C-alpha atoms as a PDB file:
ATOM      1  CA  MET A   1       3.835  14.588  -2.025  1.00  0.00           C
ATOM      2  CA  ASN A   2       3.821  12.142   0.136  1.00  0.00           C
ATOM      3  CA  THR A   3       1.571   8.859  -1.034  1.00  0.00           C
ATOM      4  CA  SER A   4       1.268   7.157   2.088  1.00  0.00           C
ATOM      5  CA  VAL A   5      -1.661   9.318   2.885  1.00  0.00           C
ATOM      6  CA  ALA A   6      -4.191  11.910   1.576  1.00  0.00           C
ATOM      7  CA  PRO A   7      -6.228  13.845   3.410  1.00  0.00           C
ATOM      8  CA  GLU A   8      -9.454  13.857   1.399  1.00  0.00           C
ATOM      9  CA  PRO A   9      -9.971  10.843  -0.969  1.00  0.00           C
ATOM     10  CA  PHE A  10      -8.884  11.384  -4.440  1.00  0.00           C
ATOM     11  CA  ASP A  11     -11.259  13.081  -7.066  1.00  0.00           C
ATOM     12  CA  GLY A  12     -10.873  10.399 -10.428  1.00  0.00           C
ATOM     13  CA  VAL A  13      -7.471   9.537 -11.479  1.00  0.00           C
ATOM     14  CA  VAL A  14      -4.830  12.303 -10.292  1.00  0.00           C
ATOM     15  CA  VAL A  15      -1.085  12.821 -10.867  1.00  0.00           C
ATOM     16  CA  ILE A  16       0.974  13.473  -8.213  1.00  0.00           C
ATOM     17  CA  ASP A  17       4.601  14.066  -8.050  1.00  0.00           C
ATOM     18  CA  ALA A  18       5.667  12.237  -5.185  1.00  0.00           C
ATOM     19  CA  VAL A  19       8.469  12.022  -2.750  1.00  0.00           C
ATOM     20  CA  ALA A  20      10.218   8.917  -1.361  1.00  0.00           C
ATOM     21  CA  THR A  21       8.685   7.939   2.121  1.00  0.00           C
ATOM     22  CA  PRO A  22      10.841   5.690   4.378  1.00  0.00           C
ATOM     23  CA  THR A  23       8.701   2.530   5.432  1.00  0.00           C
ATOM     24  CA  VAL A  24       9.020  -0.489   7.415  1.00  0.00           C
ATOM     25  CA  VAL A  25       7.820  -3.550   6.148  1.00  0.00           C
ATOM     26  CA  ALA A  26       7.552  -7.321   5.683  1.00  0.00           C
ATOM     27  CA  ARG A  27       8.585  -9.138   1.923  1.00  0.00           C
ATOM     28  CA  GLU A  28       6.961 -11.887   0.497  1.00  0.00           C
ATOM     29  CA  GLN A  29       7.893 -13.467  -2.253  1.00  0.00           C
ATOM     30  CA  ASP A  30       5.408 -15.897  -4.520  1.00  0.00           C
ATOM     31  CA  LEU A  31       2.629 -15.739  -1.840  1.00  0.00           C
ATOM     32  CA  PRO A  32      -0.925 -17.474  -2.653  1.00  0.00           C
ATOM     33  CA  MET A  33      -3.484 -14.919  -3.212  1.00  0.00           C
ATOM     34  CA  THR A  34      -5.723 -16.837  -1.546  1.00  0.00           C
ATOM     35  CA  PRO A  35      -7.646 -14.728   1.728  1.00  0.00           C
ATOM     36  CA  GLU A  36      -5.938 -17.020   3.919  1.00  0.00           C
ATOM     37  CA  ALA A  37      -2.493 -16.496   3.293  1.00  0.00           C
ATOM     38  CA  MET A  38      -3.271 -12.673   2.088  1.00  0.00           C
ATOM     39  CA  SER A  39      -5.114 -12.460   5.712  1.00  0.00           C
ATOM     40  CA  GLY A  40      -2.323 -14.229   7.112  1.00  0.00           C
ATOM     41  CA  PHE A  41       0.799 -12.877   5.933  1.00  0.00           C
ATOM     42  CA  TYR A  42      -0.929  -9.329   6.590  1.00  0.00           C
ATOM     43  CA  ASP A  43      -1.733 -10.148  10.497  1.00  0.00           C
ATOM     44  CA  ALA A  44       1.641 -11.511  11.426  1.00  0.00           C
ATOM     45  CA  THR A  45       3.295  -8.485   9.564  1.00  0.00           C
ATOM     46  CA  PHE A  46       1.235  -5.927  11.844  1.00  0.00           C
ATOM     47  CA  ARG A  47       1.603  -7.846  14.828  1.00  0.00           C
ATOM     48  CA  SER A  48       5.603  -7.647  14.813  1.00  0.00           C
ATOM     49  CA  ILE A  49       5.722  -4.019  13.174  1.00  0.00           C
ATOM     50  CA  PHE A  50       4.289  -1.914  15.816  1.00  0.00           C
ATOM     51  CA  PRO A  51       6.221  -3.568  19.269  1.00  0.00           C
ATOM     52  CA  ALA A  52       9.176  -2.900  16.767  1.00  0.00           C
ATOM     53  CA  LEU A  53       8.628   0.329  16.001  1.00  0.00           C
ATOM     54  CA  ASP A  54       7.531   1.274  19.520  1.00  0.00           C
ATOM     55  CA  ALA A  55      10.688  -0.267  20.928  1.00  0.00           C
ATOM     56  CA  GLN A  56      12.835   2.174  19.172  1.00  0.00           C
ATOM     57  CA  GLY A  57      10.447   5.123  19.534  1.00  0.00           C
ATOM     58  CA  ILE A  58       9.552   5.056  15.820  1.00  0.00           C
ATOM     59  CA  GLN A  59       5.818   6.926  14.865  1.00  0.00           C
ATOM     60  CA  PRO A  60       3.709   6.007  12.038  1.00  0.00           C
ATOM     61  CA  VAL A  61       3.051   8.838   9.748  1.00  0.00           C
ATOM     62  CA  GLY A  62       0.448   7.309   7.447  1.00  0.00           C
ATOM     63  CA  PRO A  63      -1.737   4.409   7.201  1.00  0.00           C
ATOM     64  CA  ALA A  64      -0.810   0.920   6.440  1.00  0.00           C
ATOM     65  CA  PHE A  65      -0.268  -0.361   2.644  1.00  0.00           C
ATOM     66  CA  GLY A  66       0.875  -3.011   0.659  1.00  0.00           C
ATOM     67  CA  LEU A  67       3.035  -2.424  -2.202  1.00  0.00           C
ATOM     68  CA  HIS A  68       3.447  -5.024  -5.471  1.00  0.00           C
ATOM     69  CA  THR A  69       6.192  -5.541  -7.447  1.00  0.00           C
ATOM     70  CA  ARG A  70       5.136  -7.316 -10.428  1.00  0.00           C
ATOM     71  CA  MET A  71       1.416  -8.314 -11.566  1.00  0.00           C
ATOM     72  CA  PRO A  72       0.002 -10.389  -8.971  1.00  0.00           C
ATOM     73  CA  SER A  73      -1.482 -13.545 -10.827  1.00  0.00           C
ATOM     74  CA  GLU A  74      -2.139 -16.916  -8.520  1.00  0.00           C
ATOM     75  CA  THR A  75       0.959 -15.302  -6.227  1.00  0.00           C
ATOM     76  CA  VAL A  76       1.888 -11.956  -5.489  1.00  0.00           C
ATOM     77  CA  ASP A  77       5.390 -10.257  -4.419  1.00  0.00           C
ATOM     78  CA  ILE A  78       4.714  -7.916  -1.537  1.00  0.00           C
ATOM     79  CA  GLU A  79       5.347  -5.685   0.950  1.00  0.00           C
ATOM     80  CA  ALA A  80       3.566  -5.000   3.424  1.00  0.00           C
ATOM     81  CA  GLY A  81       3.946  -2.162   6.265  1.00  0.00           C
ATOM     82  CA  VAL A  82       3.713   1.412   7.485  1.00  0.00           C
ATOM     83  CA  PRO A  83       5.094   5.072   6.907  1.00  0.00           C
ATOM     84  CA  VAL A  84       7.589   6.174   9.572  1.00  0.00           C
ATOM     85  CA  ASP A  85       9.278   9.134  10.564  1.00  0.00           C
ATOM     86  CA  ARG A  86      12.595   7.470  10.394  1.00  0.00           C
ATOM     87  CA  VAL A  87      14.676   5.047   9.554  1.00  0.00           C
ATOM     88  CA  PRO A  88      14.971   2.149  12.306  1.00  0.00           C
ATOM     89  CA  GLN A  89      18.405   1.368  13.749  1.00  0.00           C
ATOM     90  CA  GLU A  90      17.612  -2.334  14.617  1.00  0.00           C
ATOM     91  CA  LEU A  91      14.484  -4.425  12.971  1.00  0.00           C
ATOM     92  CA  PRO A  92      13.667  -8.029  13.766  1.00  0.00           C
ATOM     93  CA  ASP A  93      14.567 -10.752  11.037  1.00  0.00           C
ATOM     94  CA  GLU A  94      11.207 -10.272   9.711  1.00  0.00           C
ATOM     95  CA  LEU A  95      11.103  -7.107   9.236  1.00  0.00           C
ATOM     96  CA  VAL A  96      13.282  -4.596   6.978  1.00  0.00           C
ATOM     97  CA  ALA A  97      13.484  -0.661   6.075  1.00  0.00           C
ATOM     98  CA  SER A  98      11.913   0.149   2.240  1.00  0.00           C
ATOM     99  CA  GLU A  99      10.425   3.333   1.024  1.00  0.00           C
ATOM    100  CA  LEU A 100       7.304   4.037  -0.986  1.00  0.00           C
ATOM    101  CA  PRO A 101       8.804   5.527  -4.144  1.00  0.00           C
ATOM    102  CA  ALA A 102       9.556   9.043  -5.385  1.00  0.00           C
ATOM    103  CA  GLY A 103       8.924  10.336  -9.027  1.00  0.00           C
ATOM    104  CA  LYS A 104       5.399  10.299 -11.234  1.00  0.00           C
ATOM    105  CA  VAL A 105       2.439   8.218  -9.811  1.00  0.00           C
ATOM    106  CA  VAL A 106      -1.158   8.149 -10.937  1.00  0.00           C
ATOM    107  CA  ALA A 107      -3.550   7.977  -7.662  1.00  0.00           C
ATOM    108  CA  THR A 108      -7.294   7.195  -7.241  1.00  0.00           C
ATOM    109  CA  THR A 109      -9.178   6.321  -4.387  1.00  0.00           C
ATOM    110  CA  TYR A 110     -11.835   3.211  -3.980  1.00  0.00           C
ATOM    111  CA  ILE A 111     -14.529   3.726  -1.579  1.00  0.00           C
ATOM    112  CA  GLY A 112     -15.558  -0.161  -0.394  1.00  0.00           C
ATOM    113  CA  GLY A 113     -14.869  -3.822   0.986  1.00  0.00           C
ATOM    114  CA  TYR A 114     -11.360  -5.225   0.172  1.00  0.00           C
ATOM    115  CA  ASP A 115     -13.217  -8.253  -2.304  1.00  0.00           C
ATOM    116  CA  GLY A 116     -13.792  -5.336  -4.698  1.00  0.00           C
ATOM    117  CA  LEU A 117     -10.142  -3.977  -4.702  1.00  0.00           C
ATOM    118  CA  GLY A 118      -9.621  -6.075  -7.884  1.00  0.00           C
ATOM    119  CA  GLU A 119     -12.103  -4.799  -9.802  1.00  0.00           C
ATOM    120  CA  ALA A 120     -10.798  -1.618  -8.749  1.00  0.00           C
ATOM    121  CA  TRP A 121      -7.502  -1.701  -9.831  1.00  0.00           C
ATOM    122  CA  GLY A 122      -8.292  -3.196 -13.273  1.00  0.00           C
ATOM    123  CA  ALA A 123     -10.696   0.246 -13.600  1.00  0.00           C
ATOM    124  CA  PHE A 124      -7.973   2.207 -12.409  1.00  0.00           C
ATOM    125  CA  MET A 125      -5.423   0.970 -14.384  1.00  0.00           C
ATOM    126  CA  GLN A 126      -7.257   1.010 -17.585  1.00  0.00           C
ATOM    127  CA  ALA A 127      -8.306   4.743 -16.176  1.00  0.00           C
ATOM    128  CA  VAL A 128      -4.448   5.270 -16.125  1.00  0.00           C
ATOM    129  CA  VAL A 129      -3.739   4.253 -19.588  1.00  0.00           C
ATOM    130  CA  GLU A 130      -6.486   6.336 -21.028  1.00  0.00           C
ATOM    131  CA  SER A 131      -5.705   9.435 -19.617  1.00  0.00           C
ATOM    132  CA  GLY A 132      -2.389   8.578 -21.742  1.00  0.00           C
ATOM    133  CA  HIS A 133      -0.168   7.335 -19.034  1.00  0.00           C
ATOM    134  CA  THR A 134       2.091   4.164 -18.932  1.00  0.00           C
ATOM    135  CA  PRO A 135       1.728   2.299 -15.809  1.00  0.00           C
ATOM    136  CA  THR A 136       4.714   0.849 -14.131  1.00  0.00           C
ATOM    137  CA  PHE A 137       5.416  -0.984 -10.413  1.00  0.00           C
ATOM    138  CA  PRO A 138       5.850  -0.688  -8.238  1.00  0.00           C
ATOM    139  CA  LEU A 139       2.102  -0.292  -7.990  1.00  0.00           C
ATOM    140  CA  TRP A 140       0.551  -0.222  -3.869  1.00  0.00           C
ATOM    141  CA  GLU A 141      -2.692   0.633  -1.633  1.00  0.00           C
ATOM    142  CA  VAL A 142      -3.185   2.596   1.078  1.00  0.00           C
ATOM    143  CA  TYR A 143      -5.835   1.155   3.579  1.00  0.00           C
ATOM    144  CA  VAL A 144      -6.916   4.809   4.751  1.00  0.00           C
ATOM    145  CA  THR A 145      -9.687   3.446   6.386  1.00  0.00           C
ATOM    146  CA  GLU A 146      -8.676   0.710   9.264  1.00  0.00           C
ATOM    147  CA  PRO A 147     -10.324  -2.306   9.023  1.00  0.00           C
ATOM    148  CA  SER A 148     -12.923  -3.284  12.254  1.00  0.00           C
ATOM    149  CA  PRO A 149     -15.379  -5.914  13.104  1.00  0.00           C
ATOM    150  CA  GLU A 150     -17.579  -2.857  13.840  1.00  0.00           C
ATOM    151  CA  GLY A 151     -17.149  -1.075  10.468  1.00  0.00           C
ATOM    152  CA  ASP A 152     -18.961  -1.163   7.517  1.00  0.00           C
ATOM    153  CA  PRO A 153     -16.658  -2.316   4.834  1.00  0.00           C
ATOM    154  CA  ALA A 154     -19.075  -0.477   1.792  1.00  0.00           C
ATOM    155  CA  ALA A 155     -17.826   2.747   3.360  1.00  0.00           C
ATOM    156  CA  MET A 156     -13.879   1.683   3.830  1.00  0.00           C
ATOM    157  CA  ARG A 157     -11.260   3.994   1.582  1.00  0.00           C
ATOM    158  CA  THR A 158      -8.376   2.492   0.218  1.00  0.00           C
ATOM    159  CA  ASP A 159      -5.962   4.451  -2.252  1.00  0.00           C
ATOM    160  CA  LEU A 160      -5.053   3.243  -5.373  1.00  0.00           C
ATOM    161  CA  PHE A 161      -0.914   4.448  -6.614  1.00  0.00           C
ATOM    162  CA  THR A 162       0.528   3.363  -9.299  1.00  0.00           C
ATOM    163  CA  ARG A 163       4.464   4.755 -10.904  1.00  0.00           C
ATOM    164  CA  VAL A 164       4.188   5.808 -14.445  1.00  0.00           C
ATOM    165  CA  GLU A 165       6.808   5.630 -17.005  1.00  0.00           C
ATOM    166  CA  ASP A 166       5.959   9.514 -18.853  1.00  0.00           C
END
C-alpha cells in the first residue's frame, strides 16, 4: 500500500505492508517546535515545492506530509513535502528527492485540529505498543485535509504512521 494517501480514514490501529513512495521534500534539523518556526518551515517548503514540480511536469500523487526521523522534543528533525509520480531531474537547493519508506507500518487516523496532534501521537504510540508492535523511525503524518481559513479544524483529517520492527 502507498502510505501517502488512503481513501477512507483508518479504523483504529491498522498494520500495512507499505511500498516506497518517491517524494520531494525540504529538510530541517533542530527546528524549534514552536508554532512560528513550524508554520514558517511548512509555508516556505510548500511555496517552493509546487513551482519546482510544475516546471518539470511532475505531479503530486497525494497530500502533503511531515516526516520525523527522531522523537520530537523542543526541536525536531523533519522532512516536509509531497509524494510525486516520479523523481525530478533537478530541484532548487532547498529541496531534495526522498521517499516514504517501504516495510511494515502501523497507521491510524486523527480527526481534529493541529493543536491536538501531540495528544493524538501519544495515544497512537501507546496503542501501537499495546497491540504488540515496537515502533521505530521514521514516523510521519499525512495532512489529508488541506487546511484553509474557511475549514473547520475539528473536521480535519490527519493520518499518522510509524514503522515497526516486528
